[in-house]
């Protein structure tokens, strides 16, 4: 149901057309696929999981110093129970996370102007943490842009159609930690939701829990391959493609053992207007700025107010 695609078919040039066709079928069908051969250094992926373990093992008092609630830009630590991804249920997720975005200096004009999502990242006092996060952010973002070149070809566009949309992106890197389930009725790791941006690149530790609900189907377990990304279509890409691509609901069940994952959300530049692409028919959605759409979804997710500048 969820296909496995080898990125080297496209990157090497040996089977670009075949890869594009398979990617298009996955994006139109389950809205999810596994990506192998992606070229992100395995040692970098291993280091970011090591940093995740070190960070989440810190005392809560140390993590609270960089709480996500202290900034209007959704950067920093989010405590267990702070989010309800299933916005209609009111059920709190059992997970904690660390979030970072495009790394900007405190004197950057966009930071000084208080532009949405243009704040400084909040960092814990852990040696090597910031450097590892920034290196991974850059590697994942480069892969995300490259994947959009295959997407553009599938949609009959110029290969570089999306390049300019991801120059100073809203893209976010998020480390997640799910504690073992307690067995309580109705407990959830992460509630049913769709992702908000273009695509998501998710690396997991192999602990089961991620489930996907394809259009017209029931919940299925997402497969796992060591070192492979779980890639899914987000809301903005579904809107761009006028529902040709599918932003598929997914959730995380309470795991049997502690579960860690690293999600990279490939988001466009803040001022990019997401509207139906040429050749996709009459628009099904009104145009929306990427930053406005992201803010509307995040505001609905948190169970406590974030600081407003």
C-alpha atoms as a PDB file:
ATOM      1  CA  UNK A   1       0.000   0.000   0.000  1.00  0.00           C
ATOM      2  CA  UNK A   2       2.836   2.419   0.876  1.00  0.00           C
ATOM      3  CA  UNK A   3       5.498   2.063  -1.840  1.00  0.00           C
ATOM      4  CA  UNK A   4       9.274   2.105  -1.453  1.00  0.00           C
ATOM      5  CA  UNK A   5      11.138   4.407  -3.846  1.00  0.00           C
ATOM      6  CA  UNK A   6      14.890   4.575  -4.407  1.00  0.00           C
ATOM      7  CA  UNK A   7      15.981   8.205  -4.807  1.00  0.00           C
ATOM      8  CA  UNK A   8      19.090   7.141  -6.724  1.00  0.00           C
ATOM      9  CA  UNK A   9      16.882   6.244  -9.673  1.00  0.00           C
ATOM     10  CA  UNK A  10      16.289   9.982 -10.058  1.00  0.00           C
ATOM     11  CA  UNK A  11      19.521  11.430  -8.664  1.00  0.00           C
ATOM     12  CA  UNK A  12      21.771   9.274 -10.817  1.00  0.00           C
ATOM     13  CA  UNK A  13      19.772   9.977 -13.969  1.00  0.00           C
ATOM     14  CA  UNK A  14      19.407   6.266 -14.700  1.00  0.00           C
ATOM     15  CA  UNK A  15      15.606   6.104 -14.366  1.00  0.00           C
ATOM     16  CA  UNK A  16      14.316   9.633 -13.864  1.00  0.00           C
ATOM     17  CA  UNK A  17      11.102   9.097 -15.776  1.00  0.00           C
ATOM     18  CA  UNK A  18      10.279   5.886 -13.950  1.00  0.00           C
ATOM     19  CA  UNK A  19      10.941   7.460 -10.568  1.00  0.00           C
ATOM     20  CA  UNK A  20       8.805  10.492 -11.408  1.00  0.00           C
ATOM     21  CA  UNK A  21       5.939   8.234 -12.460  1.00  0.00           C
ATOM     22  CA  UNK A  22       6.184   6.172  -9.266  1.00  0.00           C
ATOM     23  CA  UNK A  23       6.380   9.288  -7.101  1.00  0.00           C
ATOM     24  CA  UNK A  24       3.312  10.692  -8.838  1.00  0.00           C
ATOM     25  CA  UNK A  25       1.378   7.486  -8.248  1.00  0.00           C
ATOM     26  CA  UNK A  26       2.290   7.520  -4.547  1.00  0.00           C
ATOM     27  CA  UNK A  27       1.352  11.192  -4.186  1.00  0.00           C
ATOM     28  CA  UNK A  28      -2.006  10.611  -5.869  1.00  0.00           C
ATOM     29  CA  UNK A  29      -2.703   7.393  -3.983  1.00  0.00           C
ATOM     30  CA  UNK A  30      -1.679   6.819  -0.364  1.00  0.00           C
ATOM     31  CA  UNK A  31       0.038  10.210  -0.091  1.00  0.00           C
ATOM     32  CA  UNK A  32       2.965   8.420   1.585  1.00  0.00           C
ATOM     33  CA  UNK A  33       6.073   6.604   0.400  1.00  0.00           C
ATOM     34  CA  UNK A  34       9.357   5.366   1.826  1.00  0.00           C
ATOM     35  CA  UNK A  35      12.500   6.891   0.321  1.00  0.00           C
ATOM     36  CA  UNK A  36      15.774   4.990   0.285  1.00  0.00           C
ATOM     37  CA  UNK A  37      19.052   6.075  -1.299  1.00  0.00           C
ATOM     38  CA  UNK A  38      18.411   9.694  -0.319  1.00  0.00           C
ATOM     39  CA  UNK A  39      22.042  10.596   0.330  1.00  0.00           C
ATOM     40  CA  UNK A  40      21.680  12.109   3.808  1.00  0.00           C
ATOM     41  CA  UNK A  41      24.759  10.954   5.733  1.00  0.00           C
ATOM     42  CA  UNK A  42      23.805   8.042   8.022  1.00  0.00           C
ATOM     43  CA  UNK A  43      26.279   9.285  10.628  1.00  0.00           C
ATOM     44  CA  UNK A  44      24.474  12.637  10.691  1.00  0.00           C
ATOM     45  CA  UNK A  45      21.148  10.879  11.179  1.00  0.00           C
ATOM     46  CA  UNK A  46      22.665   8.826  13.993  1.00  0.00           C
ATOM     47  CA  UNK A  47      24.044  11.966  15.654  1.00  0.00           C
ATOM     48  CA  UNK A  48      20.717  13.731  15.643  1.00  0.00           C
ATOM     49  CA  UNK A  49      19.084  10.779  17.397  1.00  0.00           C
ATOM     50  CA  UNK A  50      21.906  10.868  19.941  1.00  0.00           C
ATOM     51  CA  UNK A  51      21.237  14.560  20.501  1.00  0.00           C
ATOM     52  CA  UNK A  52      17.529  13.847  20.854  1.00  0.00           C
ATOM     53  CA  UNK A  53      18.250  11.313  23.592  1.00  0.00           C
ATOM     54  CA  UNK A  54      20.516  13.767  25.425  1.00  0.00           C
ATOM     55  CA  UNK A  55      18.012  16.591  25.148  1.00  0.00           C
ATOM     56  CA  UNK A  56      14.921  14.704  26.263  1.00  0.00           C
ATOM     57  CA  UNK A  57      16.866  13.241  29.211  1.00  0.00           C
ATOM     58  CA  UNK A  58      17.502  16.742  30.582  1.00  0.00           C
ATOM     59  CA  UNK A  59      15.610  17.766  33.726  1.00  0.00           C
ATOM     60  CA  UNK A  60      12.328  19.470  32.941  1.00  0.00           C
ATOM     61  CA  UNK A  61      13.586  22.633  34.608  1.00  0.00           C
ATOM     62  CA  UNK A  62      16.344  22.927  32.001  1.00  0.00           C
ATOM     63  CA  UNK A  63      14.003  22.280  29.101  1.00  0.00           C
ATOM     64  CA  UNK A  64      11.500  24.780  30.469  1.00  0.00           C
ATOM     65  CA  UNK A  65      14.089  27.543  29.990  1.00  0.00           C
ATOM     66  CA  UNK A  66      13.606  27.198  26.232  1.00  0.00           C
ATOM     67  CA  UNK A  67       9.862  26.505  26.264  1.00  0.00           C
ATOM     68  CA  UNK A  68       8.111  26.999  22.940  1.00  0.00           C
ATOM     69  CA  UNK A  69       5.538  29.100  24.810  1.00  0.00           C
ATOM     70  CA  UNK A  70       8.127  31.823  25.407  1.00  0.00           C
ATOM     71  CA  UNK A  71       8.371  32.833  21.760  1.00  0.00           C
ATOM     72  CA  UNK A  72       5.746  33.662  19.105  1.00  0.00           C
ATOM     73  CA  UNK A  73       7.773  31.790  16.505  1.00  0.00           C
ATOM     74  CA  UNK A  74       7.149  28.175  17.606  1.00  0.00           C
ATOM     75  CA  UNK A  75      10.751  27.338  18.423  1.00  0.00           C
ATOM     76  CA  UNK A  76      12.011  25.435  21.437  1.00  0.00           C
ATOM     77  CA  UNK A  77      10.715  22.697  23.731  1.00  0.00           C
ATOM     78  CA  UNK A  78       7.080  21.583  23.803  1.00  0.00           C
ATOM     79  CA  UNK A  79       6.134  19.626  26.922  1.00  0.00           C
ATOM     80  CA  UNK A  80       4.129  16.427  27.018  1.00  0.00           C
ATOM     81  CA  UNK A  81       0.424  17.199  26.616  1.00  0.00           C
ATOM     82  CA  UNK A  82       0.887  20.680  25.168  1.00  0.00           C
ATOM     83  CA  UNK A  83      -0.460  19.764  21.732  1.00  0.00           C
ATOM     84  CA  UNK A  84      -3.664  18.263  20.388  1.00  0.00           C
ATOM     85  CA  UNK A  85      -3.003  17.398  16.758  1.00  0.00           C
ATOM     86  CA  UNK A  86      -6.502  16.001  16.404  1.00  0.00           C
ATOM     87  CA  UNK A  87      -7.993  19.480  16.686  1.00  0.00           C
ATOM     88  CA  UNK A  88     -11.594  18.335  16.940  1.00  0.00           C
ATOM     89  CA  UNK A  89     -11.093  15.815  19.730  1.00  0.00           C
ATOM     90  CA  UNK A  90      -9.548  18.016  22.392  1.00  0.00           C
ATOM     91  CA  UNK A  91      -7.456  14.990  23.319  1.00  0.00           C
ATOM     92  CA  UNK A  92      -3.904  15.921  24.304  1.00  0.00           C
ATOM     93  CA  UNK A  93      -0.986  14.173  22.623  1.00  0.00           C
ATOM     94  CA  UNK A  94       1.428  12.200  24.821  1.00  0.00           C
ATOM     95  CA  UNK A  95       4.733  13.407  23.427  1.00  0.00           C
ATOM     96  CA  UNK A  96       7.335  16.103  23.857  1.00  0.00           C
ATOM     97  CA  UNK A  97       9.313  17.805  21.123  1.00  0.00           C
ATOM     98  CA  UNK A  98      12.072  20.223  20.245  1.00  0.00           C
ATOM     99  CA  UNK A  99      11.515  22.577  17.303  1.00  0.00           C
ATOM    100  CA  UNK A 100      13.849  24.793  15.281  1.00  0.00           C
ATOM    101  CA  UNK A 101      13.575  26.764  12.065  1.00  0.00           C
ATOM    102  CA  UNK A 102      15.715  28.789   9.692  1.00  0.00           C
ATOM    103  CA  UNK A 103      18.634  29.968  11.806  1.00  0.00           C
ATOM    104  CA  UNK A 104      18.667  33.756  12.006  1.00  0.00           C
ATOM    105  CA  UNK A 105      20.789  36.164  14.012  1.00  0.00           C
ATOM    106  CA  UNK A 106      19.170  38.364  16.645  1.00  0.00           C
ATOM    107  CA  UNK A 107      19.985  41.463  14.561  1.00  0.00           C
ATOM    108  CA  UNK A 108      18.486  40.089  11.330  1.00  0.00           C
ATOM    109  CA  UNK A 109      16.053  42.733  10.001  1.00  0.00           C
ATOM    110  CA  UNK A 110      13.263  40.162   9.835  1.00  0.00           C
ATOM    111  CA  UNK A 111      13.791  39.257  13.480  1.00  0.00           C
ATOM    112  CA  UNK A 112      13.908  42.900  14.529  1.00  0.00           C
ATOM    113  CA  UNK A 113      10.691  43.567  12.591  1.00  0.00           C
ATOM    114  CA  UNK A 114       8.922  40.745  14.430  1.00  0.00           C
ATOM    115  CA  UNK A 115       7.913  38.939  11.235  1.00  0.00           C
ATOM    116  CA  UNK A 116       6.000  35.689  11.888  1.00  0.00           C
ATOM    117  CA  UNK A 117       8.288  32.631  12.151  1.00  0.00           C
ATOM    118  CA  UNK A 118      11.327  34.900  11.911  1.00  0.00           C
ATOM    119  CA  UNK A 119      12.668  34.596  15.430  1.00  0.00           C
ATOM    120  CA  UNK A 120      15.930  33.217  16.764  1.00  0.00           C
ATOM    121  CA  UNK A 121      16.180  29.546  17.613  1.00  0.00           C
ATOM    122  CA  UNK A 122      16.281  28.564  21.271  1.00  0.00           C
ATOM    123  CA  UNK A 123      19.124  26.162  22.096  1.00  0.00           C
ATOM    124  CA  UNK A 124      19.779  23.920  25.099  1.00  0.00           C
ATOM    125  CA  UNK A 125      23.166  23.944  26.777  1.00  0.00           C
ATOM    126  CA  UNK A 126      24.407  20.733  25.153  1.00  0.00           C
ATOM    127  CA  UNK A 127      27.788  20.538  23.394  1.00  0.00           C
ATOM    128  CA  UNK A 128      27.397  19.861  19.668  1.00  0.00           C
ATOM    129  CA  UNK A 129      23.606  20.132  19.734  1.00  0.00           C
ATOM    130  CA  UNK A 130      23.243  23.325  17.685  1.00  0.00           C
ATOM    131  CA  UNK A 131      25.857  22.251  15.137  1.00  0.00           C
ATOM    132  CA  UNK A 132      24.210  18.871  14.621  1.00  0.00           C
ATOM    133  CA  UNK A 133      20.747  20.354  14.252  1.00  0.00           C
ATOM    134  CA  UNK A 134      21.902  22.954  11.721  1.00  0.00           C
ATOM    135  CA  UNK A 135      23.804  20.388   9.664  1.00  0.00           C
ATOM    136  CA  UNK A 136      20.780  18.102   9.558  1.00  0.00           C
ATOM    137  CA  UNK A 137      18.451  20.989   8.742  1.00  0.00           C
ATOM    138  CA  UNK A 138      20.583  21.949   5.735  1.00  0.00           C
ATOM    139  CA  UNK A 139      20.851  18.356   4.475  1.00  0.00           C
ATOM    140  CA  UNK A 140      17.129  17.671   4.795  1.00  0.00           C
ATOM    141  CA  UNK A 141      16.194  20.981   3.183  1.00  0.00           C
ATOM    142  CA  UNK A 142      18.455  20.303   0.200  1.00  0.00           C
ATOM    143  CA  UNK A 143      16.814  16.899  -0.248  1.00  0.00           C
ATOM    144  CA  UNK A 144      13.355  18.471   0.046  1.00  0.00           C
ATOM    145  CA  UNK A 145      14.123  20.949  -2.737  1.00  0.00           C
ATOM    146  CA  UNK A 146      15.464  18.145  -4.936  1.00  0.00           C
ATOM    147  CA  UNK A 147      12.328  16.056  -4.381  1.00  0.00           C
ATOM    148  CA  UNK A 148      10.253  19.019  -5.527  1.00  0.00           C
ATOM    149  CA  UNK A 149      12.104  18.884  -8.839  1.00  0.00           C
ATOM    150  CA  UNK A 150      10.742  15.390  -9.380  1.00  0.00           C
ATOM    151  CA  UNK A 151       7.328  16.610  -8.238  1.00  0.00           C
ATOM    152  CA  UNK A 152       7.437  19.453 -10.759  1.00  0.00           C
ATOM    153  CA  UNK A 153       8.192  17.031 -13.580  1.00  0.00           C
ATOM    154  CA  UNK A 154       5.318  14.783 -12.521  1.00  0.00           C
ATOM    155  CA  UNK A 155       2.983  17.782 -12.704  1.00  0.00           C
ATOM    156  CA  UNK A 156       4.170  18.745 -16.187  1.00  0.00           C
ATOM    157  CA  UNK A 157       6.085  21.802 -14.972  1.00  0.00           C
ATOM    158  CA  UNK A 158       9.657  22.938 -15.448  1.00  0.00           C
ATOM    159  CA  UNK A 159      11.951  20.930 -13.194  1.00  0.00           C
ATOM    160  CA  UNK A 160      12.959  24.056 -11.263  1.00  0.00           C
ATOM    161  CA  UNK A 161       9.446  25.469 -10.900  1.00  0.00           C
ATOM    162  CA  UNK A 162       9.494  25.247  -7.089  1.00  0.00           C
ATOM    163  CA  UNK A 163      13.118  26.287  -6.476  1.00  0.00           C
ATOM    164  CA  UNK A 164      12.357  29.927  -5.736  1.00  0.00           C
ATOM    165  CA  UNK A 165       9.617  28.964  -3.267  1.00  0.00           C
ATOM    166  CA  UNK A 166      12.163  27.448  -0.864  1.00  0.00           C
ATOM    167  CA  UNK A 167      14.913  30.072  -0.620  1.00  0.00           C
ATOM    168  CA  UNK A 168      14.255  31.320   2.948  1.00  0.00           C
ATOM    169  CA  UNK A 169      11.671  28.763   3.955  1.00  0.00           C
ATOM    170  CA  UNK A 170       9.369  28.224   6.889  1.00  0.00           C
ATOM    171  CA  UNK A 171      10.798  24.705   7.030  1.00  0.00           C
ATOM    172  CA  UNK A 172      11.043  23.285  10.547  1.00  0.00           C
ATOM    173  CA  UNK A 173      13.039  20.502  12.138  1.00  0.00           C
ATOM    174  CA  UNK A 174      11.333  18.697  14.999  1.00  0.00           C
ATOM    175  CA  UNK A 175      12.663  15.996  17.307  1.00  0.00           C
ATOM    176  CA  UNK A 176       9.970  13.963  19.074  1.00  0.00           C
ATOM    177  CA  UNK A 177       9.884  11.673  22.076  1.00  0.00           C
ATOM    178  CA  UNK A 178       6.895   9.473  22.873  1.00  0.00           C
ATOM    179  CA  UNK A 179       6.836   7.792  26.314  1.00  0.00           C
ATOM    180  CA  UNK A 180       5.597   4.204  26.551  1.00  0.00           C
ATOM    181  CA  UNK A 181       1.837   3.899  26.594  1.00  0.00           C
ATOM    182  CA  UNK A 182       0.099   3.413  29.934  1.00  0.00           C
ATOM    183  CA  UNK A 183      -2.804   1.391  28.589  1.00  0.00           C
ATOM    184  CA  UNK A 184      -5.341   4.047  29.530  1.00  0.00           C
ATOM    185  CA  UNK A 185      -8.483   4.086  27.398  1.00  0.00           C
ATOM    186  CA  UNK A 186      -8.344   6.513  24.501  1.00  0.00           C
ATOM    187  CA  UNK A 187      -4.673   7.353  24.988  1.00  0.00           C
ATOM    188  CA  UNK A 188      -2.870   8.637  21.900  1.00  0.00           C
ATOM    189  CA  UNK A 189       0.745   9.454  21.082  1.00  0.00           C
ATOM    190  CA  UNK A 190      -0.162  11.953  18.375  1.00  0.00           C
ATOM    191  CA  UNK A 191      -3.753  12.537  17.305  1.00  0.00           C
ATOM    192  CA  UNK A 192      -5.003  12.083  13.756  1.00  0.00           C
ATOM    193  CA  UNK A 193      -3.902  14.985  11.561  1.00  0.00           C
ATOM    194  CA  UNK A 194      -2.507  16.033   8.227  1.00  0.00           C
ATOM    195  CA  UNK A 195       0.779  17.905   7.946  1.00  0.00           C
ATOM    196  CA  UNK A 196       0.633  21.563   7.048  1.00  0.00           C
ATOM    197  CA  UNK A 197       3.372  22.239   4.506  1.00  0.00           C
ATOM    198  CA  UNK A 198       4.578  20.775   1.217  1.00  0.00           C
ATOM    199  CA  UNK A 199       6.170  17.459   2.195  1.00  0.00           C
ATOM    200  CA  UNK A 200       7.482  15.886   5.395  1.00  0.00           C
ATOM    201  CA  UNK A 201      10.674  13.844   5.701  1.00  0.00           C
ATOM    202  CA  UNK A 202      10.338  11.597   8.750  1.00  0.00           C
ATOM    203  CA  UNK A 203      13.072   9.420  10.206  1.00  0.00           C
ATOM    204  CA  UNK A 204      12.033   7.007  12.961  1.00  0.00           C
ATOM    205  CA  UNK A 205      13.833   4.636  15.313  1.00  0.00           C
ATOM    206  CA  UNK A 206      11.774   1.653  14.139  1.00  0.00           C
ATOM    207  CA  UNK A 207       9.460   1.513  17.149  1.00  0.00           C
ATOM    208  CA  UNK A 208       5.939   0.849  15.879  1.00  0.00           C
ATOM    209  CA  UNK A 209       3.140   3.369  16.263  1.00  0.00           C
ATOM    210  CA  UNK A 210       2.812   5.421  13.081  1.00  0.00           C
ATOM    211  CA  UNK A 211      -0.432   4.718  11.243  1.00  0.00           C
ATOM    212  CA  UNK A 212      -1.793   6.121   7.984  1.00  0.00           C
ATOM    213  CA  UNK A 213      -5.386   6.350   6.746  1.00  0.00           C
ATOM    214  CA  UNK A 214      -5.386   6.425   2.932  1.00  0.00           C
ATOM    215  CA  UNK A 215      -8.297   8.106   1.196  1.00  0.00           C
ATOM    216  CA  UNK A 216     -11.323   5.816   1.364  1.00  0.00           C
ATOM    217  CA  UNK A 217      -9.499   3.276   3.528  1.00  0.00           C
ATOM    218  CA  UNK A 218      -8.901   2.288   7.129  1.00  0.00           C
ATOM    219  CA  UNK A 219      -5.854   2.826   9.342  1.00  0.00           C
ATOM    220  CA  UNK A 220      -2.761   0.867   8.315  1.00  0.00           C
ATOM    221  CA  UNK A 221       0.653   0.573   9.963  1.00  0.00           C
ATOM    222  CA  UNK A 222       3.414   2.475   8.215  1.00  0.00           C
ATOM    223  CA  UNK A 223       6.318   0.213   7.230  1.00  0.00           C
ATOM    224  CA  UNK A 224       9.847   0.829   8.466  1.00  0.00           C
ATOM    225  CA  UNK A 225      13.198   0.458   6.730  1.00  0.00           C
ATOM    226  CA  UNK A 226      16.323   1.392   8.657  1.00  0.00           C
ATOM    227  CA  UNK A 227      17.743   4.642   7.289  1.00  0.00           C
ATOM    228  CA  UNK A 228      14.810   5.341   4.967  1.00  0.00           C
ATOM    229  CA  UNK A 229      12.600   8.401   5.146  1.00  0.00           C
ATOM    230  CA  UNK A 230       8.861   8.182   5.468  1.00  0.00           C
ATOM    231  CA  UNK A 231       7.734  10.921   3.070  1.00  0.00           C
ATOM    232  CA  UNK A 232       4.220  12.319   2.994  1.00  0.00           C
ATOM    233  CA  UNK A 233       2.332  15.033   1.177  1.00  0.00           C
ATOM    234  CA  UNK A 234       1.232  18.054   3.218  1.00  0.00           C
ATOM    235  CA  UNK A 235      -1.747  20.367   2.949  1.00  0.00           C
ATOM    236  CA  UNK A 236       0.001  23.132   1.006  1.00  0.00           C
ATOM    237  CA  UNK A 237       1.168  20.762  -1.721  1.00  0.00           C
ATOM    238  CA  UNK A 238      -2.332  19.291  -1.904  1.00  0.00           C
ATOM    239  CA  UNK A 239      -3.684  22.833  -2.338  1.00  0.00           C
ATOM    240  CA  UNK A 240      -0.998  23.671  -4.900  1.00  0.00           C
ATOM    241  CA  UNK A 241      -1.968  20.585  -6.911  1.00  0.00           C
ATOM    242  CA  UNK A 242      -5.686  21.287  -6.492  1.00  0.00           C
ATOM    243  CA  UNK A 243      -6.273  17.938  -4.769  1.00  0.00           C
ATOM    244  CA  UNK A 244      -4.367  15.923  -7.378  1.00  0.00           C
ATOM    245  CA  UNK A 245      -1.973  14.983  -4.586  1.00  0.00           C
ATOM    246  CA  UNK A 246      -3.301  13.704  -1.258  1.00  0.00           C
ATOM    247  CA  UNK A 247      -2.493  15.043   2.211  1.00  0.00           C
ATOM    248  CA  UNK A 248      -3.257  11.888   4.142  1.00  0.00           C
ATOM    249  CA  UNK A 249      -4.331  11.720   7.808  1.00  0.00           C
ATOM    250  CA  UNK A 250      -1.923   9.906  10.104  1.00  0.00           C
ATOM    251  CA  UNK A 251      -1.466   9.351  13.825  1.00  0.00           C
ATOM    252  CA  UNK A 252       0.907   7.786  16.347  1.00  0.00           C
ATOM    253  CA  UNK A 253      -0.430   5.161  18.728  1.00  0.00           C
ATOM    254  CA  UNK A 254       1.068   4.912  22.232  1.00  0.00           C
ATOM    255  CA  UNK A 255       4.242   2.838  21.748  1.00  0.00           C
ATOM    256  CA  UNK A 256       5.191  -0.206  23.790  1.00  0.00           C
ATOM    257  CA  UNK A 257       8.615   1.307  24.428  1.00  0.00           C
ATOM    258  CA  UNK A 258       9.807   4.900  24.268  1.00  0.00           C
ATOM    259  CA  UNK A 259       9.723   6.045  20.641  1.00  0.00           C
ATOM    260  CA  UNK A 260      11.832   8.731  18.965  1.00  0.00           C
ATOM    261  CA  UNK A 261      11.452  10.327  15.580  1.00  0.00           C
ATOM    262  CA  UNK A 262      12.885  13.262  13.667  1.00  0.00           C
ATOM    263  CA  UNK A 263      10.512  15.132  11.370  1.00  0.00           C
ATOM    264  CA  UNK A 264      11.574  17.713   8.806  1.00  0.00           C
ATOM    265  CA  UNK A 265       8.691  19.791   7.494  1.00  0.00           C
ATOM    266  CA  UNK A 266       9.474  21.218   4.062  1.00  0.00           C
ATOM    267  CA  UNK A 267       7.615  24.530   4.065  1.00  0.00           C
ATOM    268  CA  UNK A 268       7.706  27.329   1.485  1.00  0.00           C
ATOM    269  CA  UNK A 269       8.900  30.908   1.963  1.00  0.00           C
ATOM    270  CA  UNK A 270       6.496  32.910   4.180  1.00  0.00           C
ATOM    271  CA  UNK A 271       5.167  35.140   1.372  1.00  0.00           C
ATOM    272  CA  UNK A 272       4.657  32.379  -1.184  1.00  0.00           C
ATOM    273  CA  UNK A 273       1.005  32.351  -2.215  1.00  0.00           C
ATOM    274  CA  UNK A 274      -0.263  28.792  -2.394  1.00  0.00           C
ATOM    275  CA  UNK A 275      -2.806  28.580  -5.195  1.00  0.00           C
ATOM    276  CA  UNK A 276      -3.759  26.028  -7.837  1.00  0.00           C
ATOM    277  CA  UNK A 277      -0.890  25.323 -10.234  1.00  0.00           C
ATOM    278  CA  UNK A 278      -1.309  25.763 -13.993  1.00  0.00           C
ATOM    279  CA  UNK A 279      -3.118  22.883 -15.621  1.00  0.00           C
ATOM    280  CA  UNK A 280      -4.807  21.625 -12.445  1.00  0.00           C
ATOM    281  CA  UNK A 281      -8.288  22.980 -13.226  1.00  0.00           C
ATOM    282  CA  UNK A 282     -10.561  25.445 -11.465  1.00  0.00           C
ATOM    283  CA  UNK A 283      -9.148  26.194  -7.982  1.00  0.00           C
ATOM    284  CA  UNK A 284     -10.788  24.276  -5.144  1.00  0.00           C
ATOM    285  CA  UNK A 285      -9.200  26.469  -2.464  1.00  0.00           C
ATOM    286  CA  UNK A 286      -8.748  30.232  -2.101  1.00  0.00           C
ATOM    287  CA  UNK A 287      -5.165  31.501  -2.386  1.00  0.00           C
ATOM    288  CA  UNK A 288      -3.319  31.668   0.940  1.00  0.00           C
ATOM    289  CA  UNK A 289       0.105  32.850   2.069  1.00  0.00           C
ATOM    290  CA  UNK A 290       2.207  29.980   3.347  1.00  0.00           C
ATOM    291  CA  UNK A 291       2.877  31.805   6.640  1.00  0.00           C
ATOM    292  CA  UNK A 292      -0.806  32.544   7.204  1.00  0.00           C
ATOM    293  CA  UNK A 293      -1.832  28.945   6.611  1.00  0.00           C
ATOM    294  CA  UNK A 294       0.882  27.627   8.919  1.00  0.00           C
ATOM    295  CA  UNK A 295      -0.038  30.075  11.679  1.00  0.00           C
ATOM    296  CA  UNK A 296      -3.711  29.146  11.484  1.00  0.00           C
ATOM    297  CA  UNK A 297      -2.940  25.464  11.897  1.00  0.00           C
ATOM    298  CA  UNK A 298      -0.398  25.862  14.689  1.00  0.00           C
ATOM    299  CA  UNK A 299      -2.646  28.203  16.662  1.00  0.00           C
ATOM    300  CA  UNK A 300      -5.330  25.516  16.628  1.00  0.00           C
ATOM    301  CA  UNK A 301      -2.913  22.826  17.836  1.00  0.00           C
ATOM    302  CA  UNK A 302      -1.546  24.188  21.112  1.00  0.00           C
ATOM    303  CA  UNK A 303      -3.376  23.807  24.424  1.00  0.00           C
ATOM    304  CA  UNK A 304      -1.736  26.879  25.973  1.00  0.00           C
ATOM    305  CA  UNK A 305      -1.116  30.353  24.558  1.00  0.00           C
ATOM    306  CA  UNK A 306       2.295  31.120  23.070  1.00  0.00           C
ATOM    307  CA  UNK A 307       3.949  34.480  23.697  1.00  0.00           C
ATOM    308  CA  UNK A 308       3.018  37.233  21.277  1.00  0.00           C
ATOM    309  CA  UNK A 309       5.495  39.975  20.458  1.00  0.00           C
END
